[in-house]
Amino acid sequence: MPGQLYKAAAIVGAAEANEIGFPEEPKSSLQLHIEAIKNVSEQTGIPISKIDGVFSTGWTSELCEHLGLHPKYIDTTACGGCSFEMHVHHALAAIHGGIIDVALISHGENGFSSRKIGAKGRSSYGPGSGDASPATEMTLAYGLGGAPTSYAHAMVRHMHRYGTIPEDFAHIATVTRDWATLNPRAAMYSKEKHPFGGPITIEQVQESRMITWPLTILHCCMVADHGGAVLVASPKVAASLKTKPVWIAGAGESMGHQNMLEMDDFTATSARRSAEAAYTMAGMGPDDMEMALIYDSFTITAAITAEMLGLTPLGEGHTLWKDGHAAPGGRFPINTNGGGLS
């Protein structure tokens, strides 16, 4: 039986910034936010002034100031790449509770532009972040100073436990690139758009520049610019719009650690618990799913998450891509926009 929040609100619009990927002229994070927000406002016909809930990582106050908003609900949950799925869950609850009618979920990240103009590193979100964090004092000394080093450990552990090899995960990169070649907005759509764009082979993935063994650069997501905005609305507002609502059937979230050393198992994540919560709310299960959009910071991320979502047995997440199921024309499409990898 579906849960209390089942279809209590709908996603009524989703839009991106005007130029994403690797723009010639550097952009600020705020600029990427605003472009996407203006685009989703125009798409739905909802004036920005009607937004009464704002959800974003970091300094939401600056975003509200720039938009001239005085929202009744503010959420700055920042948990990395999964933050915005959490925001959808929180917006669903806030709308169901009668606090707000229109929620804006926004993100702008100038990963490419910030490096182009010489910015170094990222600002911290407060106590417990950065080099001074208790969570990193036992890892930095051994060279574990960034996401690639942590995810490399996850891949090595998966290989040890399940007998997988790097080439198994390379299929995730090649299939995701196949999807990118069907999306003109994807950064790696073609060689005309980017020198390294267009289709890639398993050999190219494995022979690309090594980042931290066994992760080569094509096993890693791009460091690029992107802005995106989503509007979530109450049933009353959704019924009045020109766009077709996408009702939120289920949502879930969970958290287990900040430092990878605190993981009980390098090949298991909190996605298992969040998926169970979402399935329960929707009154569904893995077998009811027909496609998926999975965070792909690295190829191993996508494979393990597929396992946690119950889409494959443990140790076999990569087979969705390797066997062609996740590819264009396959029975279970995954990351049809090209994902973060392409």
C-alpha atoms as a PDB file:
ATOM      1  CA  MET A   1       0.000   0.000   0.000  1.00  0.00           C
ATOM      2  CA  PRO A   2       1.403   3.440  -0.922  1.00  0.00           C
ATOM      3  CA  GLY A   3       2.547   5.728   1.870  1.00  0.00           C
ATOM      4  CA  GLN A   4       1.069   9.000   3.105  1.00  0.00           C
ATOM      5  CA  LEU A   5       3.171  11.186   0.781  1.00  0.00           C
ATOM      6  CA  TYR A   6       2.379   9.154  -2.351  1.00  0.00           C
ATOM      7  CA  LYS A   7       1.669  11.627  -5.173  1.00  0.00           C
ATOM      8  CA  ALA A   8       1.161  14.487  -2.699  1.00  0.00           C
ATOM      9  CA  ALA A   9       3.019  16.792  -5.091  1.00  0.00           C
ATOM     10  CA  ALA A  10       4.313  16.800  -8.636  1.00  0.00           C
ATOM     11  CA  ILE A  11       7.374  17.883 -10.562  1.00  0.00           C
ATOM     12  CA  VAL A  12       5.885  20.403 -12.973  1.00  0.00           C
ATOM     13  CA  GLY A  13       9.014  21.719 -14.660  1.00  0.00           C
ATOM     14  CA  ALA A  14      12.710  21.025 -15.138  1.00  0.00           C
ATOM     15  CA  ALA A  15      15.258  23.122 -17.009  1.00  0.00           C
ATOM     16  CA  GLU A  16      18.977  23.671 -17.441  1.00  0.00           C
ATOM     17  CA  ALA A  17      21.212  26.709 -17.719  1.00  0.00           C
ATOM     18  CA  ASN A  18      21.650  28.138 -21.195  1.00  0.00           C
ATOM     19  CA  GLU A  19      25.167  26.822 -21.724  1.00  0.00           C
ATOM     20  CA  ILE A  20      26.530  23.818 -19.867  1.00  0.00           C
ATOM     21  CA  GLY A  21      29.704  21.774 -20.042  1.00  0.00           C
ATOM     22  CA  PHE A  22      32.744  23.784 -21.068  1.00  0.00           C
ATOM     23  CA  PRO A  23      31.696  27.360 -21.931  1.00  0.00           C
ATOM     24  CA  GLU A  24      34.154  29.651 -23.704  1.00  0.00           C
ATOM     25  CA  GLU A  25      33.359  32.524 -21.349  1.00  0.00           C
ATOM     26  CA  PRO A  26      33.635  31.660 -17.639  1.00  0.00           C
ATOM     27  CA  LYS A  27      30.398  31.647 -15.653  1.00  0.00           C
ATOM     28  CA  SER A  28      29.700  32.020 -11.964  1.00  0.00           C
ATOM     29  CA  SER A  29      27.748  29.490  -9.957  1.00  0.00           C
ATOM     30  CA  LEU A  30      25.048  32.111  -9.357  1.00  0.00           C
ATOM     31  CA  GLN A  31      24.746  32.804 -13.079  1.00  0.00           C
ATOM     32  CA  LEU A  32      24.158  29.114 -13.779  1.00  0.00           C
ATOM     33  CA  HIS A  33      21.510  29.008 -11.043  1.00  0.00           C
ATOM     34  CA  ILE A  34      19.662  32.043 -12.383  1.00  0.00           C
ATOM     35  CA  GLU A  35      19.665  30.912 -16.009  1.00  0.00           C
ATOM     36  CA  ALA A  36      18.113  27.575 -15.061  1.00  0.00           C
ATOM     37  CA  ILE A  37      15.549  29.206 -12.758  1.00  0.00           C
ATOM     38  CA  LYS A  38      14.451  31.685 -15.424  1.00  0.00           C
ATOM     39  CA  ASN A  39      14.137  28.851 -17.928  1.00  0.00           C
ATOM     40  CA  VAL A  40      11.982  26.665 -15.682  1.00  0.00           C
ATOM     41  CA  SER A  41       9.802  29.669 -14.802  1.00  0.00           C
ATOM     42  CA  GLU A  42       9.185  30.332 -18.492  1.00  0.00           C
ATOM     43  CA  GLN A  43       8.618  26.639 -19.167  1.00  0.00           C
ATOM     44  CA  THR A  44       5.881  26.298 -16.558  1.00  0.00           C
ATOM     45  CA  GLY A  45       4.397  29.773 -16.592  1.00  0.00           C
ATOM     46  CA  ILE A  46       4.972  30.062 -12.830  1.00  0.00           C
ATOM     47  CA  PRO A  47       6.358  33.534 -12.027  1.00  0.00           C
ATOM     48  CA  ILE A  48       9.467  33.482  -9.860  1.00  0.00           C
ATOM     49  CA  SER A  49       7.570  35.657  -7.379  1.00  0.00           C
ATOM     50  CA  LYS A  50       5.147  32.762  -6.727  1.00  0.00           C
ATOM     51  CA  ILE A  51       7.896  30.476  -5.421  1.00  0.00           C
ATOM     52  CA  ASP A  52       7.454  30.104  -1.656  1.00  0.00           C
ATOM     53  CA  GLY A  53       9.997  27.367  -0.913  1.00  0.00           C
ATOM     54  CA  VAL A  54      13.669  27.382  -1.925  1.00  0.00           C
ATOM     55  CA  PHE A  55      15.907  24.320  -1.769  1.00  0.00           C
ATOM     56  CA  SER A  56      19.589  24.379  -2.657  1.00  0.00           C
ATOM     57  CA  THR A  57      23.014  23.530  -1.257  1.00  0.00           C
ATOM     58  CA  GLY A  58      25.245  26.248   0.138  1.00  0.00           C
ATOM     59  CA  TRP A  59      24.129  29.858   0.468  1.00  0.00           C
ATOM     60  CA  THR A  60      20.412  29.797  -0.360  1.00  0.00           C
ATOM     61  CA  SER A  61      20.176  33.251   1.217  1.00  0.00           C
ATOM     62  CA  GLU A  62      22.231  34.707  -1.637  1.00  0.00           C
ATOM     63  CA  LEU A  63      19.975  33.016  -4.160  1.00  0.00           C
ATOM     64  CA  CYS A  64      16.831  34.409  -2.511  1.00  0.00           C
ATOM     65  CA  GLU A  65      18.400  37.855  -2.334  1.00  0.00           C
ATOM     66  CA  HIS A  66      19.168  37.843  -6.047  1.00  0.00           C
ATOM     67  CA  LEU A  67      15.687  36.574  -6.952  1.00  0.00           C
ATOM     68  CA  GLY A  68      13.926  38.984  -4.608  1.00  0.00           C
ATOM     69  CA  LEU A  69      12.244  36.130  -2.757  1.00  0.00           C
ATOM     70  CA  HIS A  70      11.074  35.859   0.860  1.00  0.00           C
ATOM     71  CA  PRO A  71      10.276  32.134   1.039  1.00  0.00           C
ATOM     72  CA  LYS A  72       8.308  30.459   3.796  1.00  0.00           C
ATOM     73  CA  TYR A  73      10.483  27.351   3.653  1.00  0.00           C
ATOM     74  CA  ILE A  74      14.275  27.205   3.154  1.00  0.00           C
ATOM     75  CA  ASP A  75      16.410  24.079   2.869  1.00  0.00           C
ATOM     76  CA  THR A  76      20.201  24.049   2.462  1.00  0.00           C
ATOM     77  CA  THR A  77      20.827  20.319   2.864  1.00  0.00           C
ATOM     78  CA  ALA A  78      24.268  19.624   1.379  1.00  0.00           C
ATOM     79  CA  CYS A  79      25.220  15.958   1.069  1.00  0.00           C
ATOM     80  CA  GLY A  80      27.113  15.937  -2.206  1.00  0.00           C
ATOM     81  CA  GLY A  81      25.572  14.601  -5.384  1.00  0.00           C
ATOM     82  CA  CYS A  82      22.492  13.161  -3.679  1.00  0.00           C
ATOM     83  CA  SER A  83      21.450  16.502  -2.145  1.00  0.00           C
ATOM     84  CA  PHE A  84      18.915  17.362  -4.809  1.00  0.00           C
ATOM     85  CA  GLU A  85      17.050  14.071  -4.612  1.00  0.00           C
ATOM     86  CA  MET A  86      16.769  14.773  -0.892  1.00  0.00           C
ATOM     87  CA  HIS A  87      15.412  18.226  -1.708  1.00  0.00           C
ATOM     88  CA  VAL A  88      12.608  16.653  -3.753  1.00  0.00           C
ATOM     89  CA  HIS A  89      11.711  14.518  -0.734  1.00  0.00           C
ATOM     90  CA  HIS A  90      11.757  17.538   1.576  1.00  0.00           C
ATOM     91  CA  ALA A  91       9.693  19.623  -0.856  1.00  0.00           C
ATOM     92  CA  LEU A  92       7.153  16.817  -1.075  1.00  0.00           C
ATOM     93  CA  ALA A  93       6.804  16.811   2.719  1.00  0.00           C
ATOM     94  CA  ALA A  94       6.589  20.612   2.958  1.00  0.00           C
ATOM     95  CA  ILE A  95       3.853  20.761   0.332  1.00  0.00           C
ATOM     96  CA  HIS A  96       1.946  17.881   1.901  1.00  0.00           C
ATOM     97  CA  GLY A  97       2.177  19.673   5.252  1.00  0.00           C
ATOM     98  CA  GLY A  98       0.547  22.771   3.778  1.00  0.00           C
ATOM     99  CA  ILE A  99       3.577  24.992   4.382  1.00  0.00           C
ATOM    100  CA  ILE A 100       4.207  25.864   0.729  1.00  0.00           C
ATOM    101  CA  ASP A 101       2.656  25.434  -2.716  1.00  0.00           C
ATOM    102  CA  VAL A 102       5.607  25.899  -5.076  1.00  0.00           C
ATOM    103  CA  ALA A 103       9.114  24.623  -4.322  1.00  0.00           C
ATOM    104  CA  LEU A 104      12.209  25.598  -6.277  1.00  0.00           C
ATOM    105  CA  ILE A 105      15.102  23.143  -6.267  1.00  0.00           C
ATOM    106  CA  SER A 106      18.163  24.686  -7.857  1.00  0.00           C
ATOM    107  CA  HIS A 107      21.831  23.962  -8.447  1.00  0.00           C
ATOM    108  CA  GLY A 108      24.635  25.813 -10.185  1.00  0.00           C
ATOM    109  CA  GLU A 109      28.209  24.587 -10.252  1.00  0.00           C
ATOM    110  CA  ASN A 110      31.015  26.202 -12.237  1.00  0.00           C
ATOM    111  CA  GLY A 111      33.512  23.388 -11.875  1.00  0.00           C
ATOM    112  CA  PHE A 112      35.117  24.177 -15.238  1.00  0.00           C
ATOM    113  CA  SER A 113      34.896  27.965 -15.149  1.00  0.00           C
ATOM    114  CA  SER A 114      36.303  28.232 -11.626  1.00  0.00           C
ATOM    115  CA  ARG A 115      39.455  26.459 -12.731  1.00  0.00           C
ATOM    116  CA  LYS A 116      39.632  28.455 -15.942  1.00  0.00           C
ATOM    117  CA  ILE A 117      39.796  31.711 -14.007  1.00  0.00           C
ATOM    118  CA  GLY A 118      42.306  30.339 -11.517  1.00  0.00           C
ATOM    119  CA  ALA A 119      40.129  29.653  -8.475  1.00  0.00           C
ATOM    120  CA  LYS A 120      41.682  27.147  -6.112  1.00  0.00           C
ATOM    121  CA  GLY A 121      39.590  24.606  -4.256  1.00  0.00           C
ATOM    122  CA  ARG A 122      36.109  25.096  -2.855  1.00  0.00           C
ATOM    123  CA  SER A 123      34.841  27.006   0.116  1.00  0.00           C
ATOM    124  CA  SER A 124      33.874  24.898   3.086  1.00  0.00           C
ATOM    125  CA  TYR A 125      30.320  24.571   4.386  1.00  0.00           C
ATOM    126  CA  GLY A 126      31.341  25.178   7.976  1.00  0.00           C
ATOM    127  CA  PRO A 127      32.806  23.183  10.881  1.00  0.00           C
ATOM    128  CA  GLY A 128      33.864  19.663  10.092  1.00  0.00           C
ATOM    129  CA  SER A 129      34.707  20.280   6.452  1.00  0.00           C
ATOM    130  CA  GLY A 130      37.948  20.637   4.562  1.00  0.00           C
ATOM    131  CA  ASP A 131      41.442  19.613   5.664  1.00  0.00           C
ATOM    132  CA  ALA A 132      40.699  20.294   9.354  1.00  0.00           C
ATOM    133  CA  SER A 133      37.840  17.807   9.495  1.00  0.00           C
ATOM    134  CA  PRO A 134      38.106  14.961  12.015  1.00  0.00           C
ATOM    135  CA  ALA A 135      36.716  12.810   9.217  1.00  0.00           C
ATOM    136  CA  THR A 136      39.848  13.296   7.113  1.00  0.00           C
ATOM    137  CA  GLU A 137      42.686  13.476   9.634  1.00  0.00           C
ATOM    138  CA  MET A 138      43.307   9.737   9.332  1.00  0.00           C
ATOM    139  CA  THR A 139      43.125   9.634   5.533  1.00  0.00           C
ATOM    140  CA  LEU A 140      44.978  12.676   4.208  1.00  0.00           C
ATOM    141  CA  ALA A 141      48.223  11.373   5.694  1.00  0.00           C
ATOM    142  CA  TYR A 142      47.966   8.342   3.420  1.00  0.00           C
ATOM    143  CA  GLY A 143      47.125  10.238   0.245  1.00  0.00           C
ATOM    144  CA  LEU A 144      43.351   9.852   0.364  1.00  0.00           C
ATOM    145  CA  GLY A 145      42.671  13.471  -0.468  1.00  0.00           C
ATOM    146  CA  GLY A 146      39.909  13.432  -3.047  1.00  0.00           C
ATOM    147  CA  ALA A 147      36.934  11.555  -4.434  1.00  0.00           C
ATOM    148  CA  PRO A 148      38.911   9.492  -6.989  1.00  0.00           C
ATOM    149  CA  THR A 149      41.092   7.938  -4.282  1.00  0.00           C
ATOM    150  CA  SER A 150      38.066   6.883  -2.242  1.00  0.00           C
ATOM    151  CA  TYR A 151      36.130   5.463  -5.174  1.00  0.00           C
ATOM    152  CA  ALA A 152      39.222   3.638  -6.400  1.00  0.00           C
ATOM    153  CA  HIS A 153      39.189   1.767  -3.081  1.00  0.00           C
ATOM    154  CA  ALA A 154      35.534   0.887  -3.632  1.00  0.00           C
ATOM    155  CA  MET A 155      36.294  -0.528  -7.076  1.00  0.00           C
ATOM    156  CA  VAL A 156      39.268  -2.531  -5.812  1.00  0.00           C
ATOM    157  CA  ARG A 157      37.163  -3.994  -3.008  1.00  0.00           C
ATOM    158  CA  HIS A 158      34.387  -4.884  -5.474  1.00  0.00           C
ATOM    159  CA  MET A 159      36.963  -6.618  -7.689  1.00  0.00           C
ATOM    160  CA  HIS A 160      38.347  -8.541  -4.705  1.00  0.00           C
ATOM    161  CA  ARG A 161      34.945  -9.610  -3.406  1.00  0.00           C
ATOM    162  CA  TYR A 162      33.100 -10.369  -6.636  1.00  0.00           C
ATOM    163  CA  GLY A 163      35.843 -11.085  -9.157  1.00  0.00           C
ATOM    164  CA  THR A 164      35.050  -8.112 -11.360  1.00  0.00           C
ATOM    165  CA  ILE A 165      37.740  -6.398 -13.435  1.00  0.00           C
ATOM    166  CA  PRO A 166      38.174  -2.769 -14.568  1.00  0.00           C
ATOM    167  CA  GLU A 167      36.946  -3.629 -18.071  1.00  0.00           C
ATOM    168  CA  ASP A 168      33.588  -4.650 -16.580  1.00  0.00           C
ATOM    169  CA  PHE A 169      33.054  -1.107 -15.340  1.00  0.00           C
ATOM    170  CA  ALA A 170      34.398   0.410 -18.560  1.00  0.00           C
ATOM    171  CA  HIS A 171      31.159  -0.717 -20.221  1.00  0.00           C
ATOM    172  CA  ILE A 172      29.348   1.845 -18.070  1.00  0.00           C
ATOM    173  CA  ALA A 173      31.465   4.599 -19.606  1.00  0.00           C
ATOM    174  CA  THR A 174      30.961   3.419 -23.199  1.00  0.00           C
ATOM    175  CA  VAL A 175      27.200   2.928 -22.892  1.00  0.00           C
ATOM    176  CA  THR A 176      26.758   6.278 -21.174  1.00  0.00           C
ATOM    177  CA  ARG A 177      28.713   7.882 -24.012  1.00  0.00           C
ATOM    178  CA  ASP A 178      26.363   6.177 -26.511  1.00  0.00           C
ATOM    179  CA  TRP A 179      23.470   7.960 -24.808  1.00  0.00           C
ATOM    180  CA  ALA A 180      25.380  11.248 -24.910  1.00  0.00           C
ATOM    181  CA  THR A 181      25.711  11.000 -28.693  1.00  0.00           C
ATOM    182  CA  LEU A 182      21.900  11.109 -28.866  1.00  0.00           C
ATOM    183  CA  ASN A 183      21.657  14.287 -26.781  1.00  0.00           C
ATOM    184  CA  PRO A 184      22.909  17.513 -28.403  1.00  0.00           C
ATOM    185  CA  ARG A 185      23.031  19.125 -24.951  1.00  0.00           C
ATOM    186  CA  ALA A 186      25.496  16.528 -23.643  1.00  0.00           C
ATOM    187  CA  ALA A 187      29.063  17.792 -23.272  1.00  0.00           C
ATOM    188  CA  MET A 188      30.483  14.799 -25.155  1.00  0.00           C
ATOM    189  CA  TYR A 189      27.806  14.720 -27.864  1.00  0.00           C
ATOM    190  CA  SER A 190      30.310  14.745 -30.745  1.00  0.00           C
ATOM    191  CA  LYS A 191      33.900  15.517 -31.682  1.00  0.00           C
ATOM    192  CA  GLU A 192      32.637  18.727 -33.235  1.00  0.00           C
ATOM    193  CA  LYS A 193      31.325  19.811 -29.851  1.00  0.00           C
ATOM    194  CA  HIS A 194      34.366  18.615 -27.876  1.00  0.00           C
ATOM    195  CA  PRO A 195      37.681  17.132 -29.090  1.00  0.00           C
ATOM    196  CA  PHE A 196      37.155  14.066 -26.905  1.00  0.00           C
ATOM    197  CA  GLY A 197      33.441  13.707 -27.709  1.00  0.00           C
ATOM    198  CA  GLY A 198      31.670  11.018 -29.711  1.00  0.00           C
ATOM    199  CA  PRO A 199      31.583   7.248 -29.195  1.00  0.00           C
ATOM    200  CA  ILE A 200      34.336   5.544 -27.194  1.00  0.00           C
ATOM    201  CA  THR A 201      35.533   1.955 -26.879  1.00  0.00           C
ATOM    202  CA  ILE A 202      36.463  -0.222 -23.928  1.00  0.00           C
ATOM    203  CA  GLU A 203      40.100   0.029 -25.033  1.00  0.00           C
ATOM    204  CA  GLN A 204      39.952   3.821 -25.052  1.00  0.00           C
ATOM    205  CA  VAL A 205      38.496   3.863 -21.550  1.00  0.00           C
ATOM    206  CA  GLN A 206      41.199   1.573 -20.216  1.00  0.00           C
ATOM    207  CA  GLU A 207      44.046   3.288 -22.055  1.00  0.00           C
ATOM    208  CA  SER A 208      43.033   6.820 -21.070  1.00  0.00           C
ATOM    209  CA  ARG A 209      45.086   8.753 -18.522  1.00  0.00           C
ATOM    210  CA  MET A 210      45.345   7.053 -15.131  1.00  0.00           C
ATOM    211  CA  ILE A 211      43.916   9.093 -12.264  1.00  0.00           C
ATOM    212  CA  THR A 212      44.191   6.659  -9.362  1.00  0.00           C
ATOM    213  CA  TRP A 213      44.345   2.937 -10.081  1.00  0.00           C
ATOM    214  CA  PRO A 214      42.130   1.375 -11.312  1.00  0.00           C
ATOM    215  CA  LEU A 215      40.255   4.556 -12.300  1.00  0.00           C
ATOM    216  CA  THR A 216      41.356   6.111 -15.573  1.00  0.00           C
ATOM    217  CA  ILE A 217      39.990   9.511 -16.526  1.00  0.00           C
ATOM    218  CA  LEU A 218      37.149   7.986 -18.577  1.00  0.00           C
ATOM    219  CA  HIS A 219      35.982   6.097 -15.490  1.00  0.00           C
ATOM    220  CA  CYS A 220      35.497   9.515 -13.828  1.00  0.00           C
ATOM    221  CA  CYS A 221      32.772  12.104 -14.271  1.00  0.00           C
ATOM    222  CA  MET A 222      33.589  15.380 -15.961  1.00  0.00           C
ATOM    223  CA  VAL A 223      34.509  18.535 -14.071  1.00  0.00           C
ATOM    224  CA  ALA A 224      32.188  20.879 -15.920  1.00  0.00           C
ATOM    225  CA  ASP A 225      29.732  23.755 -15.581  1.00  0.00           C
ATOM    226  CA  HIS A 226      26.067  23.030 -15.059  1.00  0.00           C
ATOM    227  CA  GLY A 227      22.943  24.677 -13.778  1.00  0.00           C
ATOM    228  CA  GLY A 228      19.591  23.005 -13.234  1.00  0.00           C
ATOM    229  CA  ALA A 229      16.261  23.904 -11.677  1.00  0.00           C
ATOM    230  CA  VAL A 230      13.128  21.930 -10.847  1.00  0.00           C
ATOM    231  CA  LEU A 231       9.740  23.181  -9.698  1.00  0.00           C
ATOM    232  CA  VAL A 232       7.628  20.967  -7.445  1.00  0.00           C
ATOM    233  CA  ALA A 233       4.020  22.023  -6.909  1.00  0.00           C
ATOM    234  CA  SER A 234       0.899  21.148  -4.949  1.00  0.00           C
ATOM    235  CA  PRO A 235      -1.939  19.322  -6.731  1.00  0.00           C
ATOM    236  CA  LYS A 236      -3.927  22.580  -6.949  1.00  0.00           C
ATOM    237  CA  VAL A 237      -1.099  24.475  -8.616  1.00  0.00           C
ATOM    238  CA  ALA A 238      -0.182  21.537 -10.852  1.00  0.00           C
ATOM    239  CA  ALA A 239      -3.733  21.352 -12.193  1.00  0.00           C
ATOM    240  CA  SER A 240      -3.583  24.985 -13.320  1.00  0.00           C
ATOM    241  CA  LEU A 241      -0.420  24.728 -15.422  1.00  0.00           C
ATOM    242  CA  LYS A 242       0.270  24.171 -19.101  1.00  0.00           C
ATOM    243  CA  THR A 243       2.926  21.548 -18.360  1.00  0.00           C
ATOM    244  CA  LYS A 244       2.075  17.909 -17.680  1.00  0.00           C
ATOM    245  CA  PRO A 245       2.769  17.067 -14.023  1.00  0.00           C
ATOM    246  CA  VAL A 246       5.018  14.167 -13.057  1.00  0.00           C
ATOM    247  CA  TRP A 247       3.603  12.925  -9.759  1.00  0.00           C
ATOM    248  CA  ILE A 248       6.118  11.889  -7.111  1.00  0.00           C
ATOM    249  CA  ALA A 249       5.244   8.326  -6.172  1.00  0.00           C
ATOM    250  CA  GLY A 250       8.079   7.628  -3.768  1.00  0.00           C
ATOM    251  CA  ALA A 251      11.133   9.180  -2.163  1.00  0.00           C
ATOM    252  CA  GLY A 252      13.644   8.125   0.452  1.00  0.00           C
ATOM    253  CA  GLU A 253      16.924   9.163   1.983  1.00  0.00           C
ATOM    254  CA  SER A 254      19.564   7.828   4.335  1.00  0.00           C
ATOM    255  CA  MET A 255      23.096   8.576   5.469  1.00  0.00           C
ATOM    256  CA  GLY A 256      25.780   6.505   7.100  1.00  0.00           C
ATOM    257  CA  HIS A 257      29.142   8.230   7.052  1.00  0.00           C
ATOM    258  CA  GLN A 258      31.295  11.166   5.970  1.00  0.00           C
ATOM    259  CA  ASN A 259      34.639   9.394   5.945  1.00  0.00           C
ATOM    260  CA  MET A 260      34.988   6.304   3.795  1.00  0.00           C
ATOM    261  CA  LEU A 261      36.899   4.592   6.615  1.00  0.00           C
ATOM    262  CA  GLU A 262      33.650   4.578   8.590  1.00  0.00           C
ATOM    263  CA  MET A 263      31.858   2.457   5.978  1.00  0.00           C
ATOM    264  CA  ASP A 264      30.913  -1.011   7.146  1.00  0.00           C
ATOM    265  CA  ASP A 265      31.442  -2.241   3.597  1.00  0.00           C
ATOM    266  CA  PHE A 266      33.125  -0.390   0.716  1.00  0.00           C
ATOM    267  CA  THR A 267      30.729  -2.102  -1.705  1.00  0.00           C
ATOM    268  CA  ALA A 268      27.486  -1.169   0.072  1.00  0.00           C
ATOM    269  CA  THR A 269      25.980   2.289   0.547  1.00  0.00           C
ATOM    270  CA  SER A 270      23.012   3.983   2.185  1.00  0.00           C
ATOM    271  CA  ALA A 271      21.259   3.865  -1.189  1.00  0.00           C
ATOM    272  CA  ARG A 272      19.938   0.479  -0.084  1.00  0.00           C
ATOM    273  CA  ARG A 273      17.987   2.061   2.784  1.00  0.00           C
ATOM    274  CA  SER A 274      16.837   5.099   0.801  1.00  0.00           C
ATOM    275  CA  ALA A 275      15.611   2.824  -1.992  1.00  0.00           C
ATOM    276  CA  GLU A 276      13.654   0.694   0.461  1.00  0.00           C
ATOM    277  CA  ALA A 277      11.972   3.836   1.818  1.00  0.00           C
ATOM    278  CA  ALA A 278      11.088   5.073  -1.667  1.00  0.00           C
ATOM    279  CA  TYR A 279       9.738   1.702  -2.761  1.00  0.00           C
ATOM    280  CA  THR A 280       7.642   1.480   0.411  1.00  0.00           C
ATOM    281  CA  MET A 281       6.159   4.953  -0.100  1.00  0.00           C
ATOM    282  CA  ALA A 282       5.270   4.112  -3.692  1.00  0.00           C
ATOM    283  CA  GLY A 283       3.967   0.629  -2.957  1.00  0.00           C
ATOM    284  CA  MET A 284       6.382  -0.694  -5.578  1.00  0.00           C
ATOM    285  CA  GLY A 285       9.616  -2.633  -5.857  1.00  0.00           C
ATOM    286  CA  PRO A 286      12.657  -3.013  -8.114  1.00  0.00           C
ATOM    287  CA  ASP A 287      10.771  -5.247 -10.545  1.00  0.00           C
ATOM    288  CA  ASP A 288       8.302  -2.424 -11.225  1.00  0.00           C
ATOM    289  CA  MET A 289      11.029  -0.102 -12.502  1.00  0.00           C
ATOM    290  CA  GLU A 290      11.426   0.461 -16.249  1.00  0.00           C
ATOM    291  CA  MET A 291      14.390   2.870 -16.359  1.00  0.00           C
ATOM    292  CA  ALA A 292      16.724   4.696 -14.004  1.00  0.00           C
ATOM    293  CA  LEU A 293      18.803   7.827 -13.622  1.00  0.00           C
ATOM    294  CA  ILE A 294      21.729   6.927 -11.371  1.00  0.00           C
ATOM    295  CA  TYR A 295      24.432   9.214 -10.023  1.00  0.00           C
ATOM    296  CA  ASP A 296      27.611   8.363 -11.927  1.00  0.00           C
ATOM    297  CA  SER A 297      30.449  10.272 -10.311  1.00  0.00           C
ATOM    298  CA  PHE A 298      32.518   7.241 -11.296  1.00  0.00           C
ATOM    299  CA  THR A 299      31.648   4.049 -13.130  1.00  0.00           C
ATOM    300  CA  ILE A 300      31.859   2.107  -9.873  1.00  0.00           C
ATOM    301  CA  THR A 301      29.322   4.491  -8.298  1.00  0.00           C
ATOM    302  CA  ALA A 302      26.705   3.592 -10.883  1.00  0.00           C
ATOM    303  CA  ALA A 303      27.381  -0.138 -10.611  1.00  0.00           C
ATOM    304  CA  ILE A 304      27.178  -0.298  -6.819  1.00  0.00           C
ATOM    305  CA  THR A 305      24.109   1.947  -6.718  1.00  0.00           C
ATOM    306  CA  ALA A 306      22.317  -0.324  -9.198  1.00  0.00           C
ATOM    307  CA  GLU A 307      22.987  -3.184  -6.793  1.00  0.00           C
ATOM    308  CA  MET A 308      21.764  -1.190  -3.798  1.00  0.00           C
ATOM    309  CA  LEU A 309      18.560  -0.309  -5.687  1.00  0.00           C
ATOM    310  CA  GLY A 310      17.870  -4.013  -6.111  1.00  0.00           C
ATOM    311  CA  LEU A 311      18.148  -3.845  -9.894  1.00  0.00           C
ATOM    312  CA  THR A 312      20.690  -6.693  -9.938  1.00  0.00           C
ATOM    313  CA  PRO A 313      22.132  -9.187  -7.469  1.00  0.00           C
ATOM    314  CA  LEU A 314      25.147  -8.008  -5.472  1.00  0.00           C
ATOM    315  CA  GLY A 315      28.305  -7.967  -7.546  1.00  0.00           C
ATOM    316  CA  GLU A 316      26.429  -7.786 -10.845  1.00  0.00           C
ATOM    317  CA  GLY A 317      25.496  -4.127 -11.187  1.00  0.00           C
ATOM    318  CA  HIS A 318      27.856  -3.645 -14.120  1.00  0.00           C
ATOM    319  CA  THR A 319      26.037  -6.317 -16.140  1.00  0.00           C
ATOM    320  CA  LEU A 320      23.165  -3.937 -16.875  1.00  0.00           C
ATOM    321  CA  TRP A 321      25.605  -2.015 -19.062  1.00  0.00           C
ATOM    322  CA  LYS A 322      27.885  -4.883 -20.126  1.00  0.00           C
ATOM    323  CA  ASP A 323      24.968  -6.982 -21.395  1.00  0.00           C
ATOM    324  CA  GLY A 324      23.401  -4.034 -23.220  1.00  0.00           C
ATOM    325  CA  HIS A 325      20.294  -3.704 -21.046  1.00  0.00           C
ATOM    326  CA  ALA A 326      21.091  -0.083 -20.093  1.00  0.00           C
ATOM    327  CA  ALA A 327      22.095   0.927 -23.623  1.00  0.00           C
ATOM    328  CA  PRO A 328      19.959   2.635 -26.289  1.00  0.00           C
ATOM    329  CA  GLY A 329      17.444   0.006 -27.392  1.00  0.00           C
ATOM    330  CA  GLY A 330      17.971  -2.047 -24.228  1.00  0.00           C
ATOM    331  CA  ARG A 331      15.254  -3.254 -21.877  1.00  0.00           C
ATOM    332  CA  PHE A 332      16.295  -0.973 -18.995  1.00  0.00           C
ATOM    333  CA  PRO A 333      17.646   2.432 -20.106  1.00  0.00           C
ATOM    334  CA  ILE A 334      19.951   4.192 -17.630  1.00  0.00           C
ATOM    335  CA  ASN A 335      21.185   7.807 -17.700  1.00  0.00           C
ATOM    336  CA  THR A 336      19.645   8.583 -21.058  1.00  0.00           C
ATOM    337  CA  ASN A 337      21.020  12.141 -21.121  1.00  0.00           C
ATOM    338  CA  GLY A 338      24.658  11.042 -21.013  1.00  0.00           C
ATOM    339  CA  GLY A 339      24.977  11.261 -17.256  1.00  0.00           C
ATOM    340  CA  GLY A 340      27.892  12.905 -15.517  1.00  0.00           C
ATOM    341  CA  LEU A 341      30.379  10.704 -17.341  1.00  0.00           C
ATOM    342  CA  SER A 342      29.572  12.225 -20.740  1.00  0.00           C
END
